[in-house]
């Protein structure tokens, strides 16, 4: 598990999200993957993570590597 502190930019204030096991080794409630985090930030920037593509080494790349991910709406101010 890991902790990240976010503020402003459409993030709800004064809350925690998720829970790790008793040792803090792995998330056990409300897991958020790195790709979920990227998709959520891109959403806040007004960018669709499924459409954001860039070229690297002559190949098309996607920030979320086109793996399953989601926008974590529970931490956003929007309804």
N, C-alpha and C. Protein backbone atom coordinates (compact mmCIF):
# COMPACT_ATOMS: atom_id res chain seq x y z
N UNK A 1 0.82 -1.18 0.00
CA UNK A 1 0.00 0.00 0.00
C UNK A 1 0.86 1.25 0.00
N UNK A 2 0.28 2.35 -0.39
CA UNK A 2 1.00 3.62 -0.37
C UNK A 2 0.03 4.73 -0.02
N UNK A 3 0.57 5.84 0.37
CA UNK A 3 -0.22 7.02 0.72
C UNK A 3 0.13 8.13 -0.23
N UNK A 4 -0.89 8.90 -0.61
CA UNK A 4 -0.65 10.08 -1.45
C UNK A 4 -1.55 11.19 -0.92
N UNK A 5 -1.04 12.39 -0.92
CA UNK A 5 -1.78 13.55 -0.44
C UNK A 5 -2.14 14.39 -1.65
N UNK A 6 -3.43 14.64 -1.85
CA UNK A 6 -3.92 15.44 -2.97
C UNK A 6 -4.72 16.61 -2.42
N UNK A 7 -4.64 17.75 -3.07
CA UNK A 7 -5.40 18.92 -2.63
C UNK A 7 -5.78 19.78 -3.83
N UNK A 8 -6.98 20.37 -3.75
CA UNK A 8 -7.44 21.28 -4.80
C UNK A 8 -7.74 20.57 -6.10
N UNK A 9 -7.97 21.34 -7.12
CA UNK A 9 -8.15 20.80 -8.46
C UNK A 9 -9.29 19.83 -8.64
N UNK A 10 -10.32 19.91 -7.80
CA UNK A 10 -11.47 19.02 -7.95
C UNK A 10 -11.46 17.83 -7.02
N UNK A 11 -10.49 17.76 -6.10
CA UNK A 11 -10.40 16.66 -5.13
C UNK A 11 -11.15 17.06 -3.87
N UNK A 12 -11.97 16.15 -3.33
CA UNK A 12 -12.66 16.40 -2.06
C UNK A 12 -11.63 16.59 -0.96
N UNK A 13 -11.89 17.52 -0.08
CA UNK A 13 -10.98 17.75 1.03
C UNK A 13 -11.38 16.97 2.27
N UNK A 14 -10.41 16.78 3.16
CA UNK A 14 -10.69 16.20 4.46
C UNK A 14 -11.18 14.78 4.46
N UNK A 15 -10.68 13.96 3.60
CA UNK A 15 -11.15 12.58 3.55
C UNK A 15 -9.99 11.61 3.36
N UNK A 16 -10.22 10.38 3.69
CA UNK A 16 -9.29 9.31 3.35
C UNK A 16 -10.05 8.33 2.48
N UNK A 17 -9.33 7.58 1.68
CA UNK A 17 -9.96 6.63 0.77
C UNK A 17 -9.14 5.36 0.78
N UNK A 18 -9.79 4.24 0.98
CA UNK A 18 -9.12 2.95 0.95
C UNK A 18 -8.59 2.54 2.31
N UNK A 19 -8.12 1.31 2.35
CA UNK A 19 -7.59 0.75 3.59
C UNK A 19 -6.62 -0.37 3.26
N UNK A 20 -5.55 -0.45 4.03
CA UNK A 20 -4.58 -1.53 3.84
C UNK A 20 -4.79 -2.60 4.92
N UNK A 21 -4.08 -3.70 4.76
CA UNK A 21 -4.11 -4.73 5.80
C UNK A 21 -3.43 -4.19 7.05
N UNK A 22 -3.42 -4.97 8.10
CA UNK A 22 -2.89 -4.49 9.39
C UNK A 22 -1.42 -4.14 9.35
N UNK A 23 -0.68 -4.65 8.36
CA UNK A 23 0.75 -4.36 8.23
C UNK A 23 1.04 -3.26 7.20
N UNK A 24 0.03 -2.88 6.43
CA UNK A 24 0.23 -1.88 5.39
C UNK A 24 0.90 -2.42 4.14
N UNK A 25 0.83 -3.73 3.96
CA UNK A 25 1.49 -4.36 2.81
C UNK A 25 0.65 -4.32 1.54
N UNK A 26 -0.66 -4.40 1.68
CA UNK A 26 -1.49 -4.41 0.47
C UNK A 26 -2.85 -3.78 0.76
N UNK A 27 -3.42 -3.21 -0.26
CA UNK A 27 -4.75 -2.61 -0.13
C UNK A 27 -5.79 -3.72 -0.01
N UNK A 28 -6.73 -3.53 0.89
CA UNK A 28 -7.78 -4.52 1.08
C UNK A 28 -9.18 -3.94 0.84
N UNK A 29 -9.32 -2.63 0.90
CA UNK A 29 -10.60 -1.97 0.67
C UNK A 29 -10.37 -0.82 -0.29
N UNK A 30 -11.23 -0.71 -1.31
CA UNK A 30 -11.17 0.40 -2.28
C UNK A 30 -9.78 0.53 -2.91
N UNK A 31 -9.33 -0.53 -3.53
CA UNK A 31 -8.01 -0.52 -4.18
C UNK A 31 -7.97 0.48 -5.33
N UNK A 32 -6.85 1.17 -5.48
CA UNK A 32 -6.63 2.10 -6.59
C UNK A 32 -5.28 1.75 -7.20
N UNK A 33 -5.30 1.39 -8.48
CA UNK A 33 -4.05 1.04 -9.17
C UNK A 33 -3.38 2.32 -9.68
N UNK A 34 -2.10 2.23 -10.04
CA UNK A 34 -1.46 3.40 -10.67
C UNK A 34 -2.21 3.87 -11.91
N UNK A 35 -2.76 2.94 -12.70
CA UNK A 35 -3.51 3.34 -13.89
C UNK A 35 -4.81 4.05 -13.50
N UNK A 36 -5.46 3.63 -12.40
CA UNK A 36 -6.65 4.34 -11.92
C UNK A 36 -6.28 5.78 -11.54
N UNK A 37 -5.15 5.92 -10.86
CA UNK A 37 -4.67 7.25 -10.46
C UNK A 37 -4.42 8.12 -11.70
N UNK A 38 -3.76 7.58 -12.70
CA UNK A 38 -3.50 8.34 -13.94
C UNK A 38 -4.81 8.71 -14.63
N UNK A 39 -5.74 7.77 -14.73
CA UNK A 39 -7.03 8.04 -15.38
C UNK A 39 -7.78 9.15 -14.63
N UNK A 40 -7.71 9.15 -13.30
CA UNK A 40 -8.38 10.16 -12.49
C UNK A 40 -7.76 11.53 -12.71
N UNK A 41 -6.43 11.62 -12.69
CA UNK A 41 -5.77 12.91 -12.93
C UNK A 41 -6.07 13.43 -14.33
N UNK A 42 -6.00 12.57 -15.33
CA UNK A 42 -6.30 13.01 -16.69
C UNK A 42 -7.74 13.50 -16.79
N UNK A 43 -8.66 12.83 -16.11
CA UNK A 43 -10.05 13.28 -16.09
C UNK A 43 -10.15 14.70 -15.54
N UNK A 44 -9.43 14.97 -14.46
CA UNK A 44 -9.44 16.30 -13.87
C UNK A 44 -8.86 17.35 -14.81
N UNK A 45 -7.95 16.94 -15.66
CA UNK A 45 -7.37 17.85 -16.66
C UNK A 45 -8.25 17.97 -17.90
N UNK A 46 -9.36 17.21 -17.93
CA UNK A 46 -10.27 17.26 -19.07
C UNK A 46 -9.82 16.38 -20.23
N UNK A 47 -9.00 15.38 -19.94
CA UNK A 47 -8.46 14.51 -20.99
C UNK A 47 -9.01 13.10 -20.80
N UNK A 48 -9.48 12.50 -21.87
CA UNK A 48 -9.95 11.11 -21.84
C UNK A 48 -8.74 10.19 -21.92
N UNK A 49 -8.51 9.41 -20.87
CA UNK A 49 -7.31 8.56 -20.83
C UNK A 49 -7.29 7.52 -21.94
N UNK A 50 -8.45 7.16 -22.49
CA UNK A 50 -8.48 6.18 -23.58
C UNK A 50 -8.05 6.79 -24.90
N UNK A 51 -8.03 8.13 -24.99
CA UNK A 51 -7.68 8.81 -26.22
C UNK A 51 -6.28 9.42 -26.21
N UNK A 52 -5.68 9.58 -25.02
CA UNK A 52 -4.36 10.19 -24.92
C UNK A 52 -3.30 9.22 -25.43
N UNK A 53 -2.66 9.59 -26.52
CA UNK A 53 -1.67 8.74 -27.15
C UNK A 53 -0.44 9.57 -27.46
N UNK A 54 0.73 8.96 -27.32
CA UNK A 54 1.97 9.64 -27.67
C UNK A 54 2.89 8.63 -28.35
N UNK A 55 3.89 9.15 -29.03
CA UNK A 55 4.85 8.28 -29.73
C UNK A 55 6.14 8.18 -28.94
N UNK A 56 6.63 6.96 -28.80
CA UNK A 56 7.91 6.71 -28.16
C UNK A 56 8.57 5.55 -28.88
N UNK A 57 9.78 5.76 -29.28
CA UNK A 57 10.53 4.74 -30.04
C UNK A 57 9.76 4.28 -31.28
N UNK A 58 9.08 5.21 -31.92
CA UNK A 58 8.36 4.90 -33.15
C UNK A 58 7.08 4.11 -32.94
N UNK A 59 6.63 3.98 -31.70
CA UNK A 59 5.40 3.23 -31.42
C UNK A 59 4.40 4.12 -30.70
N UNK A 60 3.12 3.83 -30.92
CA UNK A 60 2.07 4.53 -30.20
C UNK A 60 2.01 3.98 -28.77
N UNK A 61 1.99 4.88 -27.80
CA UNK A 61 1.93 4.49 -26.39
C UNK A 61 0.76 5.20 -25.73
N UNK A 62 0.23 4.60 -24.69
CA UNK A 62 -0.85 5.18 -23.90
C UNK A 62 -0.39 5.21 -22.44
N UNK A 63 -0.70 6.31 -21.74
CA UNK A 63 -0.27 6.45 -20.35
C UNK A 63 -0.79 5.30 -19.49
N UNK A 64 -2.02 4.89 -19.72
CA UNK A 64 -2.59 3.80 -18.94
C UNK A 64 -2.35 2.44 -19.58
N UNK A 65 -1.52 2.39 -20.61
CA UNK A 65 -1.13 1.15 -21.27
C UNK A 65 -2.32 0.35 -21.76
N UNK A 66 -3.46 1.02 -21.97
CA UNK A 66 -4.70 0.42 -22.42
C UNK A 66 -5.12 -0.77 -21.54
N UNK A 67 -4.72 -0.73 -20.27
CA UNK A 67 -5.15 -1.75 -19.31
C UNK A 67 -6.42 -1.26 -18.64
N UNK A 68 -7.19 -2.18 -18.07
CA UNK A 68 -8.42 -1.75 -17.39
C UNK A 68 -8.10 -0.75 -16.28
N UNK A 69 -8.82 0.34 -16.28
CA UNK A 69 -8.66 1.35 -15.22
C UNK A 69 -9.94 2.16 -15.14
N UNK A 70 -10.02 2.94 -14.10
CA UNK A 70 -11.24 3.72 -13.87
C UNK A 70 -10.88 5.07 -13.29
N UNK A 71 -11.79 6.01 -13.45
CA UNK A 71 -11.69 7.29 -12.77
C UNK A 71 -12.27 7.07 -11.37
N UNK A 72 -11.51 7.41 -10.34
CA UNK A 72 -11.95 7.20 -8.96
C UNK A 72 -12.84 8.37 -8.57
N UNK A 73 -14.10 8.27 -8.90
CA UNK A 73 -15.05 9.37 -8.70
C UNK A 73 -15.35 9.64 -7.23
N UNK A 74 -15.13 8.67 -6.37
CA UNK A 74 -15.42 8.84 -4.94
C UNK A 74 -14.56 9.92 -4.29
N UNK A 75 -13.42 10.27 -4.88
CA UNK A 75 -12.56 11.29 -4.29
C UNK A 75 -12.73 12.65 -4.97
N UNK A 76 -13.62 12.73 -5.96
CA UNK A 76 -13.82 13.97 -6.72
C UNK A 76 -14.98 14.79 -6.17
N UNK A 77 -14.89 16.10 -6.30
CA UNK A 77 -15.96 17.00 -5.85
C UNK A 77 -17.19 16.92 -6.73
N UNK A 78 -17.03 16.56 -7.99
CA UNK A 78 -18.15 16.55 -8.92
C UNK A 78 -19.20 15.53 -8.50
N UNK A 79 -20.45 15.78 -8.91
CA UNK A 79 -21.52 14.87 -8.52
C UNK A 79 -21.63 13.69 -9.44
